[in-house]
C-alpha cells in the first residue's frame, strides 16, 4: 500500500463514514489565500497575532475549530472575511453565524478573541439565507485532499453556477479531519459533514431532491450531535426524508458504556407542523466489522469502529 491513497482504501473496504462529524462550540473560518503549508497557521500569509490566538485557544476549555478558507472569485480587494459559527443549546437546526468584513487579516485576531471569550457575536442578518460549503483541498496536509478535493472544489463551483444558486458560496478549506473521505465537505450553517462527494450526490444535497439512499455512504454526521447520536440522526434522515433537515432537534444520552461501545440515545425533534416527536434507540459498535485502515504511506494507523442500531422506538407527543 506504499504511496497509496487512504481514501481509495476506505471506499474499497466499504467503510461507513457516519459518526465522523466533529463537535465544536465554534468554527472560525478566516479568508486567507493559498498556498497553505502542512502546519496551517504557520503559513506565511498568517500574521503572528492570529497564529498566537490559535495557540492560546488550544489551552482553553472552549472547543474551537480554526480553519483557513479561500475562493479567488469571492475575494474582495483589500478585504478579509471572517465567518464565526456558534453551536446553540437546546433545539436547533444548525449553528448561528456572524460574518465580518475586515480591511486586513491582521484585524481578525482581536475580533475572534472578543467573540469567543465574551460570546458577544454581532447580530448578522442574512437576508439571502446564505449557505457556505467548505471543501477540504489541503493537499500539503494529505495527498487525498489534493487528488480528490481540488478537482471536486472546481466541480462544485460549476454546479452551483449552473444551478443559479446565488445564495451558496463554495470555499476551499484547510484540513478538518477525515481525509480518507475525500472529497469531503461541511455544509454551514447546518454544520453537516459529507464524504466521497460527486456531482450527483452534491446536487441532491444542494437542492434537497432525489433518492436519499446515497446518504448511507456519504453522510459523516451532524456537528451539533455527539458521535453516537449522529448514527441515530442519519436513520431519521432516511426515515423522514429531506424534510428532516428542516426539523429542530435536541438530544439526550440516556446511557453509555465507558468504552463507548454501547449508547442509549434519545432524539427529541419538532416537526414543521409543530408536533414534538421523540425517538430512542441503542447505538452499538459492531465488533465483527471493525476496520484497520492504512494511511497514505501504507502504515496501519486507524482502528475504525462501525455502528449499528437496535431497539428503535418512536413516540409522538400529542
C-alpha atoms as a PDB file:
ATOM      1  CA  UNK A   1       0.000   0.000   0.000  1.00  0.00           C
ATOM      2  CA  UNK A   2       3.038   2.305  -0.144  1.00  0.00           C
ATOM      3  CA  UNK A   3       2.258   5.653  -1.789  1.00  0.00           C
ATOM      4  CA  UNK A   4      -1.397   4.683  -1.996  1.00  0.00           C
ATOM      5  CA  UNK A   5      -4.454   6.812  -1.260  1.00  0.00           C
ATOM      6  CA  UNK A   6      -6.222   6.074   2.018  1.00  0.00           C
ATOM      7  CA  UNK A   7      -9.466   7.435   0.554  1.00  0.00           C
ATOM      8  CA  UNK A   8      -9.455   4.678  -2.064  1.00  0.00           C
ATOM      9  CA  UNK A   9      -8.826   2.011   0.568  1.00  0.00           C
ATOM     10  CA  UNK A  10     -11.706   3.368   2.669  1.00  0.00           C
ATOM     11  CA  UNK A  11     -14.045   3.098  -0.309  1.00  0.00           C
ATOM     12  CA  UNK A  12     -12.787  -0.346  -1.276  1.00  0.00           C
ATOM     13  CA  UNK A  13     -13.424  -1.851   2.165  1.00  0.00           C
ATOM     14  CA  UNK A  14     -16.835  -0.163   2.432  1.00  0.00           C
ATOM     15  CA  UNK A  15     -16.107   1.987   5.477  1.00  0.00           C
ATOM     16  CA  UNK A  16     -19.264   3.624   6.821  1.00  0.00           C
ATOM     17  CA  UNK A  17     -18.443   7.342   7.242  1.00  0.00           C
ATOM     18  CA  UNK A  18     -21.078   8.022   9.921  1.00  0.00           C
ATOM     19  CA  UNK A  19     -20.086   9.377  13.357  1.00  0.00           C
ATOM     20  CA  UNK A  20     -17.200  11.368  11.909  1.00  0.00           C
ATOM     21  CA  UNK A  21     -18.500  14.908  12.341  1.00  0.00           C
ATOM     22  CA  UNK A  22     -16.528  16.802  14.964  1.00  0.00           C
ATOM     23  CA  UNK A  23     -18.347  18.573  17.759  1.00  0.00           C
ATOM     24  CA  UNK A  24     -17.092  22.140  18.325  1.00  0.00           C
ATOM     25  CA  UNK A  25     -18.535  25.090  20.209  1.00  0.00           C
ATOM     26  CA  UNK A  26     -17.224  27.399  17.477  1.00  0.00           C
ATOM     27  CA  UNK A  27     -15.986  27.116  13.936  1.00  0.00           C
ATOM     28  CA  UNK A  28     -13.838  30.083  12.917  1.00  0.00           C
ATOM     29  CA  UNK A  29     -13.233  30.461   9.174  1.00  0.00           C
ATOM     30  CA  UNK A  30     -10.699  33.081   8.094  1.00  0.00           C
ATOM     31  CA  UNK A  31     -10.219  34.116   4.483  1.00  0.00           C
ATOM     32  CA  UNK A  32      -6.578  33.622   3.542  1.00  0.00           C
ATOM     33  CA  UNK A  33      -5.062  32.963   0.102  1.00  0.00           C
ATOM     34  CA  UNK A  34      -3.328  29.691  -0.696  1.00  0.00           C
ATOM     35  CA  UNK A  35      -0.852  28.032  -0.621  1.00  0.00           C
ATOM     36  CA  UNK A  36      -1.218  26.626   2.874  1.00  0.00           C
ATOM     37  CA  UNK A  37       1.529  24.546   4.429  1.00  0.00           C
ATOM     38  CA  UNK A  38       1.025  21.372   6.471  1.00  0.00           C
ATOM     39  CA  UNK A  39       1.012  23.281   9.769  1.00  0.00           C
ATOM     40  CA  UNK A  40      -1.836  25.526   8.654  1.00  0.00           C
ATOM     41  CA  UNK A  41      -1.325  28.595  10.812  1.00  0.00           C
ATOM     42  CA  UNK A  42       2.409  28.645  10.175  1.00  0.00           C
ATOM     43  CA  UNK A  43       1.654  29.564   6.564  1.00  0.00           C
ATOM     44  CA  UNK A  44       3.466  32.785   5.656  1.00  0.00           C
ATOM     45  CA  UNK A  45       0.236  34.665   4.957  1.00  0.00           C
ATOM     46  CA  UNK A  46      -0.926  34.214   8.573  1.00  0.00           C
ATOM     47  CA  UNK A  47       0.052  37.110  10.881  1.00  0.00           C
ATOM     48  CA  UNK A  48       1.644  36.433  14.252  1.00  0.00           C
ATOM     49  CA  UNK A  49      -1.313  37.746  16.262  1.00  0.00           C
ATOM     50  CA  UNK A  50      -3.665  35.260  14.580  1.00  0.00           C
ATOM     51  CA  UNK A  51      -1.182  32.425  14.984  1.00  0.00           C
ATOM     52  CA  UNK A  52      -0.931  33.230  18.700  1.00  0.00           C
ATOM     53  CA  UNK A  53      -4.720  33.291  19.134  1.00  0.00           C
ATOM     54  CA  UNK A  54      -4.970  29.786  17.693  1.00  0.00           C
ATOM     55  CA  UNK A  55      -2.302  28.566  20.124  1.00  0.00           C
ATOM     56  CA  UNK A  56      -3.982  30.362  23.018  1.00  0.00           C
ATOM     57  CA  UNK A  57      -7.369  28.787  22.438  1.00  0.00           C
ATOM     58  CA  UNK A  58      -5.831  25.328  22.293  1.00  0.00           C
ATOM     59  CA  UNK A  59      -5.371  25.724  26.063  1.00  0.00           C
ATOM     60  CA  UNK A  60      -8.955  26.787  26.776  1.00  0.00           C
ATOM     61  CA  UNK A  61     -11.953  24.603  27.516  1.00  0.00           C
ATOM     62  CA  UNK A  62     -13.841  26.180  24.624  1.00  0.00           C
ATOM     63  CA  UNK A  63     -13.777  23.775  21.688  1.00  0.00           C
ATOM     64  CA  UNK A  64     -12.840  25.781  18.595  1.00  0.00           C
ATOM     65  CA  UNK A  65     -12.029  24.673  15.061  1.00  0.00           C
ATOM     66  CA  UNK A  66      -9.878  27.281  13.301  1.00  0.00           C
ATOM     67  CA  UNK A  67      -9.764  26.957   9.521  1.00  0.00           C
ATOM     68  CA  UNK A  68      -8.440  28.982   6.617  1.00  0.00           C
ATOM     69  CA  UNK A  69     -10.702  29.384   3.602  1.00  0.00           C
ATOM     70  CA  UNK A  70     -10.376  30.861   0.131  1.00  0.00           C
ATOM     71  CA  UNK A  71     -12.180  31.377  -3.141  1.00  0.00           C
ATOM     72  CA  UNK A  72     -10.469  33.744  -5.550  1.00  0.00           C
ATOM     73  CA  UNK A  73     -13.785  34.587  -7.206  1.00  0.00           C
ATOM     74  CA  UNK A  74     -15.305  35.674  -3.874  1.00  0.00           C
ATOM     75  CA  UNK A  75     -12.297  37.653  -2.707  1.00  0.00           C
ATOM     76  CA  UNK A  76     -12.955  41.380  -2.377  1.00  0.00           C
ATOM     77  CA  UNK A  77      -9.946  43.656  -2.949  1.00  0.00           C
ATOM     78  CA  UNK A  78      -8.262  44.727   0.278  1.00  0.00           C
ATOM     79  CA  UNK A  79     -10.871  42.911   2.372  1.00  0.00           C
ATOM     80  CA  UNK A  80     -10.798  39.786   4.560  1.00  0.00           C
ATOM     81  CA  UNK A  81     -13.883  37.808   5.531  1.00  0.00           C
ATOM     82  CA  UNK A  82     -14.167  36.102   8.897  1.00  0.00           C
ATOM     83  CA  UNK A  83     -17.043  33.702   9.499  1.00  0.00           C
ATOM     84  CA  UNK A  84     -17.793  32.513  13.030  1.00  0.00           C
ATOM     85  CA  UNK A  85     -20.317  29.745  13.600  1.00  0.00           C
ATOM     86  CA  UNK A  86     -21.559  29.165  17.149  1.00  0.00           C
ATOM     87  CA  UNK A  87     -23.256  25.981  18.333  1.00  0.00           C
ATOM     88  CA  UNK A  88     -26.605  26.708  20.017  1.00  0.00           C
ATOM     89  CA  UNK A  89     -28.072  24.953  23.031  1.00  0.00           C
ATOM     90  CA  UNK A  90     -31.391  23.146  23.085  1.00  0.00           C
ATOM     91  CA  UNK A  91     -33.480  22.553  19.982  1.00  0.00           C
ATOM     92  CA  UNK A  92     -31.593  23.595  16.870  1.00  0.00           C
ATOM     93  CA  UNK A  93     -31.430  23.300  13.095  1.00  0.00           C
ATOM     94  CA  UNK A  94     -27.851  24.486  12.824  1.00  0.00           C
ATOM     95  CA  UNK A  95     -25.219  26.897  14.061  1.00  0.00           C
ATOM     96  CA  UNK A  96     -25.687  30.644  14.355  1.00  0.00           C
ATOM     97  CA  UNK A  97     -23.427  32.741  12.145  1.00  0.00           C
ATOM     98  CA  UNK A  98     -21.574  36.029  12.464  1.00  0.00           C
ATOM     99  CA  UNK A  99     -19.783  37.422   9.433  1.00  0.00           C
ATOM    100  CA  UNK A 100     -17.174  40.167   9.434  1.00  0.00           C
ATOM    101  CA  UNK A 101     -15.627  42.003   6.500  1.00  0.00           C
ATOM    102  CA  UNK A 102     -12.286  43.400   7.635  1.00  0.00           C
ATOM    103  CA  UNK A 103      -9.818  45.672   5.892  1.00  0.00           C
ATOM    104  CA  UNK A 104      -6.914  43.367   6.703  1.00  0.00           C
ATOM    105  CA  UNK A 105      -6.270  39.843   8.030  1.00  0.00           C
ATOM    106  CA  UNK A 106      -4.357  41.443  10.916  1.00  0.00           C
ATOM    107  CA  UNK A 107      -7.713  42.623  12.275  1.00  0.00           C
ATOM    108  CA  UNK A 108      -9.029  39.064  12.588  1.00  0.00           C
ATOM    109  CA  UNK A 109      -7.323  38.104  15.861  1.00  0.00           C
ATOM    110  CA  UNK A 110      -8.906  40.721  18.192  1.00  0.00           C
ATOM    111  CA  UNK A 111     -12.355  40.212  16.634  1.00  0.00           C
ATOM    112  CA  UNK A 112     -12.114  36.449  17.043  1.00  0.00           C
ATOM    113  CA  UNK A 113     -10.872  36.652  20.627  1.00  0.00           C
ATOM    114  CA  UNK A 114     -13.654  39.010  21.674  1.00  0.00           C
ATOM    115  CA  UNK A 115     -16.328  36.856  20.078  1.00  0.00           C
ATOM    116  CA  UNK A 116     -15.121  33.577  21.548  1.00  0.00           C
ATOM    117  CA  UNK A 117     -14.381  34.775  25.062  1.00  0.00           C
ATOM    118  CA  UNK A 118     -17.242  37.195  25.568  1.00  0.00           C
ATOM    119  CA  UNK A 119     -19.600  35.359  23.234  1.00  0.00           C
ATOM    120  CA  UNK A 120     -20.764  38.754  22.045  1.00  0.00           C
ATOM    121  CA  UNK A 121     -21.165  37.866  18.429  1.00  0.00           C
ATOM    122  CA  UNK A 122     -22.532  40.628  16.278  1.00  0.00           C
ATOM    123  CA  UNK A 123     -26.043  40.052  15.090  1.00  0.00           C
ATOM    124  CA  UNK A 124     -25.757  39.093  11.459  1.00  0.00           C
ATOM    125  CA  UNK A 125     -28.923  39.356   9.405  1.00  0.00           C
ATOM    126  CA  UNK A 126     -28.528  37.020   6.463  1.00  0.00           C
ATOM    127  CA  UNK A 127     -31.186  38.241   4.077  1.00  0.00           C
ATOM    128  CA  UNK A 128     -30.233  35.687   1.451  1.00  0.00           C
ATOM    129  CA  UNK A 129     -30.090  32.602   3.732  1.00  0.00           C
ATOM    130  CA  UNK A 130     -26.551  32.025   2.560  1.00  0.00           C
ATOM    131  CA  UNK A 131     -25.103  28.531   2.650  1.00  0.00           C
ATOM    132  CA  UNK A 132     -21.343  28.262   2.996  1.00  0.00           C
ATOM    133  CA  UNK A 133     -19.906  24.940   1.877  1.00  0.00           C
ATOM    134  CA  UNK A 134     -16.295  24.239   2.774  1.00  0.00           C
ATOM    135  CA  UNK A 135     -14.366  21.623   0.790  1.00  0.00           C
ATOM    136  CA  UNK A 136     -11.013  20.385   2.051  1.00  0.00           C
ATOM    137  CA  UNK A 137      -8.290  20.984  -0.549  1.00  0.00           C
ATOM    138  CA  UNK A 138      -5.389  20.939   1.908  1.00  0.00           C
ATOM    139  CA  UNK A 139      -3.018  18.857  -0.190  1.00  0.00           C
ATOM    140  CA  UNK A 140       0.080  19.732   1.839  1.00  0.00           C
ATOM    141  CA  UNK A 141      -1.621  18.068   4.818  1.00  0.00           C
ATOM    142  CA  UNK A 142      -2.813  14.951   2.995  1.00  0.00           C
ATOM    143  CA  UNK A 143      -2.450  13.877  -0.621  1.00  0.00           C
ATOM    144  CA  UNK A 144      -6.072  12.625  -0.781  1.00  0.00           C
ATOM    145  CA  UNK A 145      -7.325  16.175  -0.301  1.00  0.00           C
ATOM    146  CA  UNK A 146      -5.174  17.273  -3.227  1.00  0.00           C
ATOM    147  CA  UNK A 147      -6.097  14.421  -5.553  1.00  0.00           C
ATOM    148  CA  UNK A 148      -9.831  14.355  -4.784  1.00  0.00           C
ATOM    149  CA  UNK A 149     -10.577  17.649  -3.028  1.00  0.00           C
ATOM    150  CA  UNK A 150      -9.153  20.086  -5.568  1.00  0.00           C
ATOM    151  CA  UNK A 151     -10.973  18.797  -8.658  1.00  0.00           C
ATOM    152  CA  UNK A 152     -14.209  18.473  -6.710  1.00  0.00           C
ATOM    153  CA  UNK A 153     -13.892  22.059  -5.459  1.00  0.00           C
ATOM    154  CA  UNK A 154     -13.772  23.249  -9.072  1.00  0.00           C
ATOM    155  CA  UNK A 155     -16.654  20.951  -9.981  1.00  0.00           C
ATOM    156  CA  UNK A 156     -18.757  22.156  -7.041  1.00  0.00           C
ATOM    157  CA  UNK A 157     -18.357  25.798  -8.076  1.00  0.00           C
ATOM    158  CA  UNK A 158     -19.561  24.945 -11.573  1.00  0.00           C
ATOM    159  CA  UNK A 159     -22.556  23.007 -10.253  1.00  0.00           C
ATOM    160  CA  UNK A 160     -23.653  25.941  -8.077  1.00  0.00           C
ATOM    161  CA  UNK A 161     -23.210  28.319 -11.008  1.00  0.00           C
ATOM    162  CA  UNK A 162     -25.189  26.063 -13.354  1.00  0.00           C
ATOM    163  CA  UNK A 163     -27.997  25.775 -10.813  1.00  0.00           C
ATOM    164  CA  UNK A 164     -28.108  29.555 -10.408  1.00  0.00           C
ATOM    165  CA  UNK A 165     -27.853  29.223  -6.608  1.00  0.00           C
ATOM    166  CA  UNK A 166     -26.678  32.718  -5.741  1.00  0.00           C
ATOM    167  CA  UNK A 167     -27.153  32.056  -2.029  1.00  0.00           C
ATOM    168  CA  UNK A 168     -24.495  29.299  -1.972  1.00  0.00           C
ATOM    169  CA  UNK A 169     -20.802  30.088  -1.529  1.00  0.00           C
ATOM    170  CA  UNK A 170     -18.202  27.398  -2.183  1.00  0.00           C
ATOM    171  CA  UNK A 171     -14.880  27.643  -0.355  1.00  0.00           C
ATOM    172  CA  UNK A 172     -11.683  25.642  -0.429  1.00  0.00           C
ATOM    173  CA  UNK A 173     -10.649  24.958   3.123  1.00  0.00           C
ATOM    174  CA  UNK A 174      -7.819  23.677   5.282  1.00  0.00           C
ATOM    175  CA  UNK A 175      -7.946  20.272   6.921  1.00  0.00           C
ATOM    176  CA  UNK A 176     -10.962  19.481   9.136  1.00  0.00           C
ATOM    177  CA  UNK A 177     -10.357  15.756   9.533  1.00  0.00           C
ATOM    178  CA  UNK A 178     -11.432  12.725   7.570  1.00  0.00           C
ATOM    179  CA  UNK A 179      -9.075  12.883   4.600  1.00  0.00           C
ATOM    180  CA  UNK A 180      -9.916   9.235   3.918  1.00  0.00           C
ATOM    181  CA  UNK A 181     -13.400  10.514   2.988  1.00  0.00           C
ATOM    182  CA  UNK A 182     -12.085  12.891   0.313  1.00  0.00           C
ATOM    183  CA  UNK A 183     -13.611  14.771  -1.328  1.00  0.00           C
ATOM    184  CA  UNK A 184     -15.151  15.855   1.950  1.00  0.00           C
ATOM    185  CA  UNK A 185     -17.146  18.966   2.851  1.00  0.00           C
ATOM    186  CA  UNK A 186     -19.021  20.741   5.647  1.00  0.00           C
ATOM    187  CA  UNK A 187     -22.317  22.464   4.849  1.00  0.00           C
ATOM    188  CA  UNK A 188     -22.971  25.511   7.045  1.00  0.00           C
ATOM    189  CA  UNK A 189     -24.865  26.896   8.875  1.00  0.00           C
ATOM    190  CA  UNK A 190     -26.309  23.414   9.456  1.00  0.00           C
ATOM    191  CA  UNK A 191     -22.803  22.015  10.103  1.00  0.00           C
ATOM    192  CA  UNK A 192     -23.372  18.687   8.396  1.00  0.00           C
ATOM    193  CA  UNK A 193     -20.310  16.793   7.184  1.00  0.00           C
ATOM    194  CA  UNK A 194     -20.256  14.818   3.918  1.00  0.00           C
ATOM    195  CA  UNK A 195     -17.903  12.242   2.434  1.00  0.00           C
ATOM    196  CA  UNK A 196     -16.964  10.979  -1.044  1.00  0.00           C
ATOM    197  CA  UNK A 197     -18.978  13.602  -2.843  1.00  0.00           C
ATOM    198  CA  UNK A 198     -19.601  13.549  -6.583  1.00  0.00           C
ATOM    199  CA  UNK A 199     -21.725  15.699  -8.886  1.00  0.00           C
ATOM    200  CA  UNK A 200     -24.891  13.649  -8.353  1.00  0.00           C
ATOM    201  CA  UNK A 201     -24.775  13.486  -4.563  1.00  0.00           C
ATOM    202  CA  UNK A 202     -23.696  17.119  -4.273  1.00  0.00           C
ATOM    203  CA  UNK A 203     -26.551  18.298  -6.493  1.00  0.00           C
ATOM    204  CA  UNK A 204     -29.014  16.367  -4.320  1.00  0.00           C
ATOM    205  CA  UNK A 205     -27.590  17.931  -1.162  1.00  0.00           C
ATOM    206  CA  UNK A 206     -27.786  21.409  -2.670  1.00  0.00           C
ATOM    207  CA  UNK A 207     -31.340  21.037  -3.972  1.00  0.00           C
ATOM    208  CA  UNK A 208     -32.630  18.573  -1.349  1.00  0.00           C
ATOM    209  CA  UNK A 209     -34.120  16.390  -4.021  1.00  0.00           C
ATOM    210  CA  UNK A 210     -33.689  12.822  -5.185  1.00  0.00           C
ATOM    211  CA  UNK A 211     -33.380   9.443  -3.549  1.00  0.00           C
ATOM    212  CA  UNK A 212     -31.701   9.662  -0.153  1.00  0.00           C
ATOM    213  CA  UNK A 213     -30.083   6.226  -0.188  1.00  0.00           C
ATOM    214  CA  UNK A 214     -26.726   7.812  -1.026  1.00  0.00           C
ATOM    215  CA  UNK A 215     -26.704   9.331   2.470  1.00  0.00           C
ATOM    216  CA  UNK A 216     -25.718   5.910   3.822  1.00  0.00           C
ATOM    217  CA  UNK A 217     -22.377   6.204   2.030  1.00  0.00           C
ATOM    218  CA  UNK A 218     -21.750   9.959   2.074  1.00  0.00           C
ATOM    219  CA  UNK A 219     -23.013  11.296   5.419  1.00  0.00           C
ATOM    220  CA  UNK A 220     -20.353  11.797   8.094  1.00  0.00           C
ATOM    221  CA  UNK A 221     -22.773  13.277  10.615  1.00  0.00           C
ATOM    222  CA  UNK A 222     -24.015  16.476  12.211  1.00  0.00           C
ATOM    223  CA  UNK A 223     -21.625  18.579  14.312  1.00  0.00           C
ATOM    224  CA  UNK A 224     -24.418  19.534  16.717  1.00  0.00           C
ATOM    225  CA  UNK A 225     -24.612  15.928  17.969  1.00  0.00           C
ATOM    226  CA  UNK A 226     -22.111  13.631  19.690  1.00  0.00           C
ATOM    227  CA  UNK A 227     -20.847  10.704  17.635  1.00  0.00           C
ATOM    228  CA  UNK A 228     -23.318   8.011  18.703  1.00  0.00           C
ATOM    229  CA  UNK A 229     -26.273  10.355  18.255  1.00  0.00           C
ATOM    230  CA  UNK A 230     -25.067  11.045  14.715  1.00  0.00           C
ATOM    231  CA  UNK A 231     -25.731   7.403  13.879  1.00  0.00           C
ATOM    232  CA  UNK A 232     -29.336   7.655  15.026  1.00  0.00           C
ATOM    233  CA  UNK A 233     -29.788  11.008  13.305  1.00  0.00           C
ATOM    234  CA  UNK A 234     -28.840   9.504   9.955  1.00  0.00           C
ATOM    235  CA  UNK A 235     -31.525   6.874  10.492  1.00  0.00           C
ATOM    236  CA  UNK A 236     -34.025   9.708  10.960  1.00  0.00           C
ATOM    237  CA  UNK A 237     -32.948  11.300   7.670  1.00  0.00           C
ATOM    238  CA  UNK A 238     -33.660   8.019   5.922  1.00  0.00           C
ATOM    239  CA  UNK A 239     -36.965   7.667   7.769  1.00  0.00           C
ATOM    240  CA  UNK A 240     -38.345  11.203   7.312  1.00  0.00           C
ATOM    241  CA  UNK A 241     -36.630  12.214   4.080  1.00  0.00           C
ATOM    242  CA  UNK A 242     -35.403  15.657   3.142  1.00  0.00           C
ATOM    243  CA  UNK A 243     -37.968  17.311   5.402  1.00  0.00           C
ATOM    244  CA  UNK A 244     -35.924  16.085   8.392  1.00  0.00           C
ATOM    245  CA  UNK A 245     -33.371  18.813   7.647  1.00  0.00           C
ATOM    246  CA  UNK A 246     -35.981  21.451   8.499  1.00  0.00           C
ATOM    247  CA  UNK A 247     -36.763  19.965  11.935  1.00  0.00           C
ATOM    248  CA  UNK A 248     -35.398  21.370  15.186  1.00  0.00           C
ATOM    249  CA  UNK A 249     -33.568  18.700  17.152  1.00  0.00           C
ATOM    250  CA  UNK A 250     -32.240  18.150  20.661  1.00  0.00           C
ATOM    251  CA  UNK A 251     -30.574  15.062  22.101  1.00  0.00           C
ATOM    252  CA  UNK A 252     -30.032  13.149  25.304  1.00  0.00           C
ATOM    253  CA  UNK A 253     -27.522  10.418  26.134  1.00  0.00           C
ATOM    254  CA  UNK A 254     -29.535   8.152  28.402  1.00  0.00           C
ATOM    255  CA  UNK A 255     -26.885   5.534  28.987  1.00  0.00           C
ATOM    256  CA  UNK A 256     -23.364   4.923  27.750  1.00  0.00           C
ATOM    257  CA  UNK A 257     -20.687   2.333  28.450  1.00  0.00           C
ATOM    258  CA  UNK A 258     -17.230   3.533  29.442  1.00  0.00           C
ATOM    259  CA  UNK A 259     -15.684   2.250  26.221  1.00  0.00           C
ATOM    260  CA  UNK A 260     -18.400   3.849  24.093  1.00  0.00           C
ATOM    261  CA  UNK A 261     -19.458   0.565  22.517  1.00  0.00           C
ATOM    262  CA  UNK A 262     -22.996   0.865  23.892  1.00  0.00           C
ATOM    263  CA  UNK A 263     -25.025   4.073  23.762  1.00  0.00           C
ATOM    264  CA  UNK A 264     -28.711   4.600  24.517  1.00  0.00           C
ATOM    265  CA  UNK A 265     -29.670   7.791  22.702  1.00  0.00           C
ATOM    266  CA  UNK A 266     -32.820   9.884  22.640  1.00  0.00           C
ATOM    267  CA  UNK A 267     -33.559  12.492  19.986  1.00  0.00           C
ATOM    268  CA  UNK A 268     -36.388  14.957  20.505  1.00  0.00           C
ATOM    269  CA  UNK A 269     -37.466  16.904  17.460  1.00  0.00           C
ATOM    270  CA  UNK A 270     -40.068  19.468  16.485  1.00  0.00           C
ATOM    271  CA  UNK A 271     -41.610  18.828  13.086  1.00  0.00           C
ATOM    272  CA  UNK A 272     -42.672  21.510  10.641  1.00  0.00           C
ATOM    273  CA  UNK A 273     -46.270  21.248  11.889  1.00  0.00           C
ATOM    274  CA  UNK A 274     -45.134  21.964  15.461  1.00  0.00           C
ATOM    275  CA  UNK A 275     -45.594  18.415  16.756  1.00  0.00           C
ATOM    276  CA  UNK A 276     -42.990  17.112  19.175  1.00  0.00           C
ATOM    277  CA  UNK A 277     -41.641  13.631  18.493  1.00  0.00           C
ATOM    278  CA  UNK A 278     -39.097  11.538  20.380  1.00  0.00           C
ATOM    279  CA  UNK A 279     -37.072   8.622  19.122  1.00  0.00           C
ATOM    280  CA  UNK A 280     -34.983   6.366  21.321  1.00  0.00           C
ATOM    281  CA  UNK A 281     -32.542   3.668  20.252  1.00  0.00           C
ATOM    282  CA  UNK A 282     -29.427   1.767  21.215  1.00  0.00           C
ATOM    283  CA  UNK A 283     -26.353   2.588  19.136  1.00  0.00           C
ATOM    284  CA  UNK A 284     -23.710  -0.126  19.340  1.00  0.00           C
ATOM    285  CA  UNK A 285     -20.287  -0.873  17.903  1.00  0.00           C
ATOM    286  CA  UNK A 286     -20.315  -3.881  15.608  1.00  0.00           C
ATOM    287  CA  UNK A 287     -17.184  -5.655  16.839  1.00  0.00           C
ATOM    288  CA  UNK A 288     -17.255  -8.042  13.915  1.00  0.00           C
ATOM    289  CA  UNK A 289     -16.893  -5.184  11.426  1.00  0.00           C
ATOM    290  CA  UNK A 290     -14.111  -3.131  12.999  1.00  0.00           C
ATOM    291  CA  UNK A 291     -11.754  -1.902  10.266  1.00  0.00           C
ATOM    292  CA  UNK A 292      -7.999  -1.420  10.357  1.00  0.00           C
ATOM    293  CA  UNK A 293      -7.059   1.123   7.715  1.00  0.00           C
ATOM    294  CA  UNK A 294      -3.771   2.406   6.381  1.00  0.00           C
ATOM    295  CA  UNK A 295      -2.579   5.938   5.944  1.00  0.00           C
ATOM    296  CA  UNK A 296      -1.251   7.144   2.602  1.00  0.00           C
ATOM    297  CA  UNK A 297       2.200   5.722   3.438  1.00  0.00           C
ATOM    298  CA  UNK A 298       0.761   2.243   3.893  1.00  0.00           C
ATOM    299  CA  UNK A 299       1.097   2.105   7.687  1.00  0.00           C
ATOM    300  CA  UNK A 300      -1.892   0.833   9.677  1.00  0.00           C
ATOM    301  CA  UNK A 301      -2.730   3.704  11.992  1.00  0.00           C
ATOM    302  CA  UNK A 302      -6.516   3.760  12.252  1.00  0.00           C
ATOM    303  CA  UNK A 303      -8.862   1.395  14.052  1.00  0.00           C
ATOM    304  CA  UNK A 304     -12.312   2.278  12.786  1.00  0.00           C
ATOM    305  CA  UNK A 305     -15.458   1.204  14.683  1.00  0.00           C
ATOM    306  CA  UNK A 306     -18.602   0.540  12.660  1.00  0.00           C
ATOM    307  CA  UNK A 307     -22.004   1.119  14.280  1.00  0.00           C
ATOM    308  CA  UNK A 308     -25.474  -0.353  14.154  1.00  0.00           C
ATOM    309  CA  UNK A 309     -28.845   0.434  15.759  1.00  0.00           C
ATOM    310  CA  UNK A 310     -31.169  -1.716  17.878  1.00  0.00           C
ATOM    311  CA  UNK A 311     -34.450  -1.197  19.765  1.00  0.00           C
ATOM    312  CA  UNK A 312     -35.580   1.875  17.872  1.00  0.00           C
ATOM    313  CA  UNK A 313     -38.781   3.337  19.310  1.00  0.00           C
ATOM    314  CA  UNK A 314     -40.655   6.425  18.040  1.00  0.00           C
ATOM    315  CA  UNK A 315     -43.008   8.314  20.375  1.00  0.00           C
ATOM    316  CA  UNK A 316     -45.287  11.050  19.035  1.00  0.00           C
ATOM    317  CA  UNK A 317     -46.330  13.552  21.719  1.00  0.00           C
ATOM    318  CA  UNK A 318     -49.925  14.692  21.270  1.00  0.00           C
END
